[in-house]
Every structure is written in C-alpha cells, then in structure tokens.
C-alpha cells in the first residue's frame, strides 16, 4: 500500500468515526489521549468497515483468479 492510499484510508476511517488516525507514530505521552479517543468511538462502527469475512472473500477471489488463469492456458 502506498502512503497516498494509506492517507486516504486514514481519512475515510476518521470521517466515519471508525478509528483514531494520526499522521505519525504517536509520542509516548500522546498514547493515553489517543486510547481515550478510541474508546470513546465505541467500536460498533468497525463491523461496517470490516464485516469479518475478509479471509473468505480473499479465498474466493484467489480461487476465481486461479480458475480463470487455468482455463486460459
């Protein structure tokens, strides 16, 4: 993933109040406030971003690509 796409993902996560995102790795004394912010988000919105079926979808995509390339040879 490029830095540009990471930045875009970070903006989307921030807009959706899914995660707390920082531009740089936090300094030691910043962690407590960041964790409080993350806790305040709750976590219920995460399931809309990552519904938990990523591994199954990746496997299905890989099988689809494998089947396609197998037929082309």
PDB file of N, CA and C in Angstrom:
ATOM      1  N   UNK A   1       0.849  -1.169   0.000  1.00  0.00           N
ATOM      2  CA  UNK A   1       0.000   0.000   0.000  1.00  0.00           C
ATOM      3  C   UNK A   1       0.895   1.232   0.000  1.00  0.00           C
ATOM      4  N   UNK A   2       0.556   2.155  -0.830  1.00  0.00           N
ATOM      5  CA  UNK A   2       1.350   3.378  -0.884  1.00  0.00           C
ATOM      6  C   UNK A   2       0.945   4.328   0.222  1.00  0.00           C
ATOM      7  N   UNK A   3       1.809   5.288   0.503  1.00  0.00           N
ATOM      8  CA  UNK A   3       1.489   6.293   1.505  1.00  0.00           C
ATOM      9  C   UNK A   3       0.240   7.069   1.147  1.00  0.00           C
ATOM     10  N   UNK A   4       0.030   7.296  -0.148  1.00  0.00           N
ATOM     11  CA  UNK A   4      -1.148   8.030  -0.592  1.00  0.00           C
ATOM     12  C   UNK A   4      -2.424   7.268  -0.278  1.00  0.00           C
ATOM     13  N   UNK A   5      -2.439   5.967  -0.546  1.00  0.00           N
ATOM     14  CA  UNK A   5      -3.644   5.185  -0.254  1.00  0.00           C
ATOM     15  C   UNK A   5      -3.819   4.991   1.247  1.00  0.00           C
ATOM     16  N   UNK A   6      -2.730   4.926   1.995  1.00  0.00           N
ATOM     17  CA  UNK A   6      -2.845   4.859   3.451  1.00  0.00           C
ATOM     18  C   UNK A   6      -3.461   6.137   3.991  1.00  0.00           C
ATOM     19  N   UNK A   7      -3.065   7.273   3.442  1.00  0.00           N
ATOM     20  CA  UNK A   7      -3.626   8.552   3.868  1.00  0.00           C
ATOM     21  C   UNK A   7      -5.115   8.609   3.553  1.00  0.00           C
ATOM     22  N   UNK A   8      -5.503   8.141   2.382  1.00  0.00           N
ATOM     23  CA  UNK A   8      -6.920   8.134   2.003  1.00  0.00           C
ATOM     24  C   UNK A   8      -7.720   7.218   2.922  1.00  0.00           C
ATOM     25  N   UNK A   9      -7.167   6.062   3.233  1.00  0.00           N
ATOM     26  CA  UNK A   9      -7.836   5.143   4.155  1.00  0.00           C
ATOM     27  C   UNK A   9      -7.969   5.782   5.530  1.00  0.00           C
ATOM     28  N   UNK A  10      -6.920   6.434   5.982  1.00  0.00           N
ATOM     29  CA  UNK A  10      -6.966   7.120   7.273  1.00  0.00           C
ATOM     30  C   UNK A  10      -8.042   8.187   7.309  1.00  0.00           C
ATOM     31  N   UNK A  11      -8.164   8.941   6.232  1.00  0.00           N
ATOM     32  CA  UNK A  11      -9.211   9.977   6.168  1.00  0.00           C
ATOM     33  C   UNK A  11     -10.598   9.351   6.211  1.00  0.00           C
ATOM     34  N   UNK A  12     -10.788   8.260   5.503  1.00  0.00           N
ATOM     35  CA  UNK A  12     -12.091   7.587   5.500  1.00  0.00           C
ATOM     36  C   UNK A  12     -12.425   7.036   6.884  1.00  0.00           C
ATOM     37  N   UNK A  13     -11.437   6.441   7.547  1.00  0.00           N
ATOM     38  CA  UNK A  13     -11.670   5.920   8.896  1.00  0.00           C
ATOM     39  C   UNK A  13     -11.992   7.029   9.878  1.00  0.00           C
ATOM     40  N   UNK A  14     -11.336   8.170   9.709  1.00  0.00           N
ATOM     41  CA  UNK A  14     -11.590   9.317  10.579  1.00  0.00           C
ATOM     42  C   UNK A  14     -12.981   9.884  10.322  1.00  0.00           C
ATOM     43  N   UNK A  15     -13.327  10.085   9.041  1.00  0.00           N
ATOM     44  CA  UNK A  15     -14.654  10.626   8.699  1.00  0.00           C
ATOM     45  C   UNK A  15     -15.768   9.745   9.241  1.00  0.00           C
ATOM     46  N   UNK A  16     -15.589   8.453   9.138  1.00  0.00           N
ATOM     47  CA  UNK A  16     -16.615   7.521   9.595  1.00  0.00           C
ATOM     48  C   UNK A  16     -16.592   7.255  11.088  1.00  0.00           C
ATOM     49  N   UNK A  17     -15.685   7.926  11.791  1.00  0.00           N
ATOM     50  CA  UNK A  17     -15.512   7.713  13.233  1.00  0.00           C
ATOM     51  C   UNK A  17     -15.334   6.228  13.554  1.00  0.00           C
ATOM     52  N   UNK A  18     -14.569   5.546  12.683  1.00  0.00           N
ATOM     53  CA  UNK A  18     -14.288   4.133  12.864  1.00  0.00           C
ATOM     54  C   UNK A  18     -13.025   3.945  13.692  1.00  0.00           C
ATOM     55  N   UNK A  19     -12.053   4.840  13.494  1.00  0.00           N
ATOM     56  CA  UNK A  19     -10.771   4.698  14.171  1.00  0.00           C
ATOM     57  C   UNK A  19     -10.165   6.072  14.427  1.00  0.00           C
ATOM     58  N   UNK A  20      -9.221   6.089  15.347  1.00  0.00           N
ATOM     59  CA  UNK A  20      -8.434   7.291  15.593  1.00  0.00           C
ATOM     60  C   UNK A  20      -7.165   7.147  14.759  1.00  0.00           C
ATOM     61  N   UNK A  21      -6.897   8.117  13.918  1.00  0.00           N
ATOM     62  CA  UNK A  21      -5.777   8.036  12.978  1.00  0.00           C
ATOM     63  C   UNK A  21      -4.851   9.219  13.215  1.00  0.00           C
ATOM     64  N   UNK A  22      -3.554   8.951  13.206  1.00  0.00           N
ATOM     65  CA  UNK A  22      -2.560  10.009  13.333  1.00  0.00           C
ATOM     66  C   UNK A  22      -1.658   9.990  12.105  1.00  0.00           C
ATOM     67  N   UNK A  23      -1.066  11.118  11.807  1.00  0.00           N
ATOM     68  CA  UNK A  23      -0.182  11.211  10.641  1.00  0.00           C
ATOM     69  C   UNK A  23       1.169  10.554  10.906  1.00  0.00           C
ATOM     70  N   UNK A  24       1.569  10.511  12.157  1.00  0.00           N
ATOM     71  CA  UNK A  24       2.870   9.929  12.543  1.00  0.00           C
ATOM     72  C   UNK A  24       2.673   9.018  13.743  1.00  0.00           C
ATOM     73  N   UNK A  25       3.673   8.200  13.984  1.00  0.00           N
ATOM     74  CA  UNK A  25       3.639   7.347  15.172  1.00  0.00           C
ATOM     75  C   UNK A  25       3.584   8.259  16.400  1.00  0.00           C
ATOM     76  N   UNK A  26       2.641   8.030  17.313  1.00  0.00           N
ATOM     77  CA  UNK A  26       2.486   8.917  18.469  1.00  0.00           C
ATOM     78  C   UNK A  26       3.685   8.867  19.421  1.00  0.00           C
ATOM     79  N   UNK A  27       3.927  10.007  20.048  1.00  0.00           N
ATOM     80  CA  UNK A  27       4.950  10.053  21.097  1.00  0.00           C
ATOM     81  C   UNK A  27       4.384   9.362  22.335  1.00  0.00           C
ATOM     82  N   UNK A  28       5.245   8.933  23.220  1.00  0.00           N
ATOM     83  CA  UNK A  28       4.833   8.156  24.396  1.00  0.00           C
ATOM     84  C   UNK A  28       3.751   8.876  25.193  1.00  0.00           C
ATOM     85  N   UNK A  29       3.888  10.168  25.382  1.00  0.00           N
ATOM     86  CA  UNK A  29       2.919  10.882  26.217  1.00  0.00           C
ATOM     87  C   UNK A  29       1.591  11.159  25.490  1.00  0.00           C
ATOM     88  N   UNK A  30       1.483  10.826  24.203  1.00  0.00           N
ATOM     89  CA  UNK A  30       0.240  11.027  23.450  1.00  0.00           C
ATOM     90  C   UNK A  30      -0.709   9.819  23.516  1.00  0.00           C
ATOM     91  N   UNK A  31      -0.161   8.670  23.916  1.00  0.00           N
ATOM     92  CA  UNK A  31      -0.940   7.436  23.856  1.00  0.00           C
ATOM     93  C   UNK A  31      -2.193   7.452  24.719  1.00  0.00           C
ATOM     94  N   UNK A  32      -2.109   7.969  25.922  1.00  0.00           N
ATOM     95  CA  UNK A  32      -3.281   7.942  26.815  1.00  0.00           C
ATOM     96  C   UNK A  32      -4.467   8.665  26.177  1.00  0.00           C
ATOM     97  N   UNK A  33      -4.241   9.843  25.612  1.00  0.00           N
ATOM     98  CA  UNK A  33      -5.326  10.598  24.981  1.00  0.00           C
ATOM     99  C   UNK A  33      -5.853   9.865  23.744  1.00  0.00           C
ATOM    100  N   UNK A  34      -4.962   9.274  22.965  1.00  0.00           N
ATOM    101  CA  UNK A  34      -5.402   8.532  21.780  1.00  0.00           C
ATOM    102  C   UNK A  34      -6.261   7.336  22.159  1.00  0.00           C
ATOM    103  N   UNK A  35      -5.857   6.625  23.190  1.00  0.00           N
ATOM    104  CA  UNK A  35      -6.636   5.465  23.638  1.00  0.00           C
ATOM    105  C   UNK A  35      -7.990   5.895  24.182  1.00  0.00           C
ATOM    106  N   UNK A  36      -8.044   7.019  24.862  1.00  0.00           N
ATOM    107  CA  UNK A  36      -9.331   7.538  25.333  1.00  0.00           C
ATOM    108  C   UNK A  36     -10.236   7.888  24.152  1.00  0.00           C
ATOM    109  N   UNK A  37      -9.666   8.503  23.127  1.00  0.00           N
ATOM    110  CA  UNK A  37     -10.452   8.836  21.931  1.00  0.00           C
ATOM    111  C   UNK A  37     -10.973   7.569  21.258  1.00  0.00           C
ATOM    112  N   UNK A  38     -10.104   6.579  21.147  1.00  0.00           N
ATOM    113  CA  UNK A  38     -10.508   5.317  20.521  1.00  0.00           C
ATOM    114  C   UNK A  38     -11.615   4.648  21.328  1.00  0.00           C
ATOM    115  N   UNK A  39     -11.481   4.655  22.625  1.00  0.00           N
ATOM    116  CA  UNK A  39     -12.503   4.052  23.489  1.00  0.00           C
ATOM    117  C   UNK A  39     -13.827   4.798  23.332  1.00  0.00           C
ATOM    118  N   UNK A  40     -13.775   6.100  23.193  1.00  0.00           N
ATOM    119  CA  UNK A  40     -14.986   6.906  23.037  1.00  0.00           C
ATOM    120  C   UNK A  40     -15.726   6.574  21.736  1.00  0.00           C
ATOM    121  N   UNK A  41     -15.002   6.110  20.722  1.00  0.00           N
ATOM    122  CA  UNK A  41     -15.652   5.721  19.466  1.00  0.00           C
ATOM    123  C   UNK A  41     -16.541   4.502  19.665  1.00  0.00           C
ATOM    124  N   UNK A  42     -16.233   3.690  20.649  1.00  0.00           N
ATOM    125  CA  UNK A  42     -17.057   2.524  20.950  1.00  0.00           C
ATOM    126  C   UNK A  42     -16.622   1.271  20.228  1.00  0.00           C
ATOM    127  N   UNK A  43     -16.625   1.265  18.934  1.00  0.00           N
ATOM    128  CA  UNK A  43     -16.214   0.086  18.183  1.00  0.00           C
ATOM    129  C   UNK A  43     -17.326  -0.523  17.348  1.00  0.00           C
ATOM    130  N   UNK A  44     -18.570  -0.109  17.591  1.00  0.00           N
ATOM    131  CA  UNK A  44     -19.677  -0.712  16.850  1.00  0.00           C
ATOM    132  C   UNK A  44     -19.646  -0.390  15.361  1.00  0.00           C
ATOM    133  N   UNK A  45     -18.982   0.685  14.976  1.00  0.00           N
ATOM    134  CA  UNK A  45     -18.919   1.046  13.552  1.00  0.00           C
ATOM    135  C   UNK A  45     -17.893   0.202  12.785  1.00  0.00           C
ATOM    136  N   UNK A  46     -16.989  -0.440  13.490  1.00  0.00           N
ATOM    137  CA  UNK A  46     -15.949  -1.220  12.822  1.00  0.00           C
ATOM    138  C   UNK A  46     -16.549  -2.322  11.954  1.00  0.00           C
ATOM    139  N   UNK A  47     -17.652  -2.930  12.403  1.00  0.00           N
ATOM    140  CA  UNK A  47     -18.234  -4.033  11.637  1.00  0.00           C
ATOM    141  C   UNK A  47     -18.732  -3.588  10.271  1.00  0.00           C
ATOM    142  N   UNK A  48     -19.062  -2.295  10.114  1.00  0.00           N
ATOM    143  CA  UNK A  48     -19.444  -1.804   8.784  1.00  0.00           C
ATOM    144  C   UNK A  48     -18.230  -1.701   7.870  1.00  0.00           C
ATOM    145  N   UNK A  49     -17.064  -1.383   8.459  1.00  0.00           N
ATOM    146  CA  UNK A  49     -15.836  -1.245   7.675  1.00  0.00           C
ATOM    147  C   UNK A  49     -15.238  -2.617   7.360  1.00  0.00           C
ATOM    148  N   UNK A  50     -15.225  -3.487   8.355  1.00  0.00           N
ATOM    149  CA  UNK A  50     -14.629  -4.820   8.214  1.00  0.00           C
ATOM    150  C   UNK A  50     -15.604  -5.841   8.794  1.00  0.00           C
ATOM    151  N   UNK A  51     -16.520  -6.351   7.973  1.00  0.00           N
ATOM    152  CA  UNK A  51     -17.576  -7.222   8.484  1.00  0.00           C
ATOM    153  C   UNK A  51     -17.111  -8.597   8.946  1.00  0.00           C
ATOM    154  N   UNK A  52     -15.826  -8.894   8.830  1.00  0.00           N
ATOM    155  CA  UNK A  52     -15.310 -10.159   9.343  1.00  0.00           C
ATOM    156  C   UNK A  52     -15.200 -11.273   8.324  1.00  0.00           C
ATOM    157  N   UNK A  53     -15.539 -10.991   7.093  1.00  0.00           N
ATOM    158  CA  UNK A  53     -15.486 -12.037   6.075  1.00  0.00           C
ATOM    159  C   UNK A  53     -14.347 -11.829   5.075  1.00  0.00           C
ATOM    160  N   UNK A  54     -13.364 -11.029   5.460  1.00  0.00           N
ATOM    161  CA  UNK A  54     -12.262 -10.707   4.553  1.00  0.00           C
ATOM    162  C   UNK A  54     -11.489 -11.923   4.081  1.00  0.00           C
ATOM    163  N   UNK A  55     -11.201 -12.850   4.985  1.00  0.00           N
ATOM    164  CA  UNK A  55     -10.434 -14.045   4.600  1.00  0.00           C
ATOM    165  C   UNK A  55     -11.226 -14.890   3.605  1.00  0.00           C
ATOM    166  N   UNK A  56     -12.511 -15.059   3.851  1.00  0.00           N
ATOM    167  CA  UNK A  56     -13.342 -15.855   2.941  1.00  0.00           C
ATOM    168  C   UNK A  56     -13.440 -15.186   1.566  1.00  0.00           C
ATOM    169  N   UNK A  57     -13.584 -13.857   1.545  1.00  0.00           N
ATOM    170  CA  UNK A  57     -13.650 -13.146   0.267  1.00  0.00           C
ATOM    171  C   UNK A  57     -12.328 -13.233  -0.481  1.00  0.00           C
ATOM    172  N   UNK A  58     -11.206 -13.123   0.242  1.00  0.00           N
ATOM    173  CA  UNK A  58      -9.890 -13.232  -0.402  1.00  0.00           C
ATOM    174  C   UNK A  58      -9.702 -14.624  -0.999  1.00  0.00           C
ATOM    175  N   UNK A  59     -10.125 -15.645  -0.269  1.00  0.00           N
ATOM    176  CA  UNK A  59     -10.011 -17.018  -0.774  1.00  0.00           C
ATOM    177  C   UNK A  59     -10.868 -17.202  -2.022  1.00  0.00           C
ATOM    178  N   UNK A  60     -12.079 -16.678  -2.000  1.00  0.00           N
ATOM    179  CA  UNK A  60     -12.954 -16.782  -3.174  1.00  0.00           C
ATOM    180  C   UNK A  60     -12.349 -16.049  -4.369  1.00  0.00           C
ATOM    181  N   UNK A  61     -11.786 -14.880  -4.129  1.00  0.00           N
ATOM    182  CA  UNK A  61     -11.143 -14.130  -5.216  1.00  0.00           C
ATOM    183  C   UNK A  61      -9.947 -14.893  -5.772  1.00  0.00           C
ATOM    184  N   UNK A  62      -9.135 -15.465  -4.882  1.00  0.00           N
ATOM    185  CA  UNK A  62      -7.970 -16.233  -5.327  1.00  0.00           C
ATOM    186  C   UNK A  62      -8.404 -17.450  -6.136  1.00  0.00           C
ATOM    187  N   UNK A  63      -9.457 -18.120  -5.696  1.00  0.00           N
ATOM    188  CA  UNK A  63      -9.956 -19.286  -6.428  1.00  0.00           C
ATOM    189  C   UNK A  63     -10.480 -18.869  -7.800  1.00  0.00           C
ATOM    190  N   UNK A  64     -11.152 -17.716  -7.849  1.00  0.00           N
ATOM    191  CA  UNK A  64     -11.676 -17.213  -9.118  1.00  0.00           C
ATOM    192  C   UNK A  64     -10.547 -16.906 -10.095  1.00  0.00           C
ATOM    193  N   UNK A  65      -9.509 -16.246  -9.613  1.00  0.00           N
ATOM    194  CA  UNK A  65      -8.365 -15.914 -10.465  1.00  0.00           C
ATOM    195  C   UNK A  65      -7.662 -17.187 -10.907  1.00  0.00           C
ATOM    196  N   UNK A  66      -7.504 -18.122  -9.984  1.00  0.00           N
ATOM    197  CA  UNK A  66      -6.854 -19.390 -10.314  1.00  0.00           C
ATOM    198  C   UNK A  66      -7.637 -20.146 -11.381  1.00  0.00           C
ATOM    199  N   UNK A  67      -8.933 -20.179 -11.249  1.00  0.00           N
ATOM    200  CA  UNK A  67      -9.768 -20.876 -12.234  1.00  0.00           C
ATOM    201  C   UNK A  67      -9.677 -20.180 -13.595  1.00  0.00           C
ATOM    202  N   UNK A  68      -9.663 -18.857 -13.572  1.00  0.00           N
ATOM    203  CA  UNK A  68      -9.592 -18.096 -14.827  1.00  0.00           C
ATOM    204  C   UNK A  68      -8.270 -18.356 -15.530  1.00  0.00           C
ATOM    205  N   UNK A  69      -7.155 -18.273 -14.768  1.00  0.00           N
ATOM    206  CA  UNK A  69      -5.854 -18.484 -15.406  1.00  0.00           C
ATOM    207  C   UNK A  69      -5.671 -19.918 -15.832  1.00  0.00           C
ATOM    208  N   UNK A  70      -6.285 -20.857 -15.136  1.00  0.00           N
ATOM    209  CA  UNK A  70      -6.207 -22.252 -15.527  1.00  0.00           C
ATOM    210  C   UNK A  70      -6.891 -22.512 -16.859  1.00  0.00           C
ATOM    211  N   UNK A  71      -8.000 -21.848 -17.110  1.00  0.00           N
ATOM    212  CA  UNK A  71      -8.744 -22.026 -18.363  1.00  0.00           C
ATOM    213  C   UNK A  71      -8.021 -21.379 -19.542  1.00  0.00           C
ATOM    214  N   UNK A  72      -7.281 -20.309 -19.266  1.00  0.00           N
ATOM    215  CA  UNK A  72      -6.613 -19.586 -20.338  1.00  0.00           C
ATOM    216  C   UNK A  72      -5.391 -20.314 -20.867  1.00  0.00           C
ATOM    217  N   UNK A  73      -4.860 -21.257 -20.099  1.00  0.00           N
ATOM    218  CA  UNK A  73      -3.630 -21.933 -20.522  1.00  0.00           C
ATOM    219  C   UNK A  73      -3.879 -23.086 -21.419  1.00  0.00           C
TER     220      UNK A  73
END
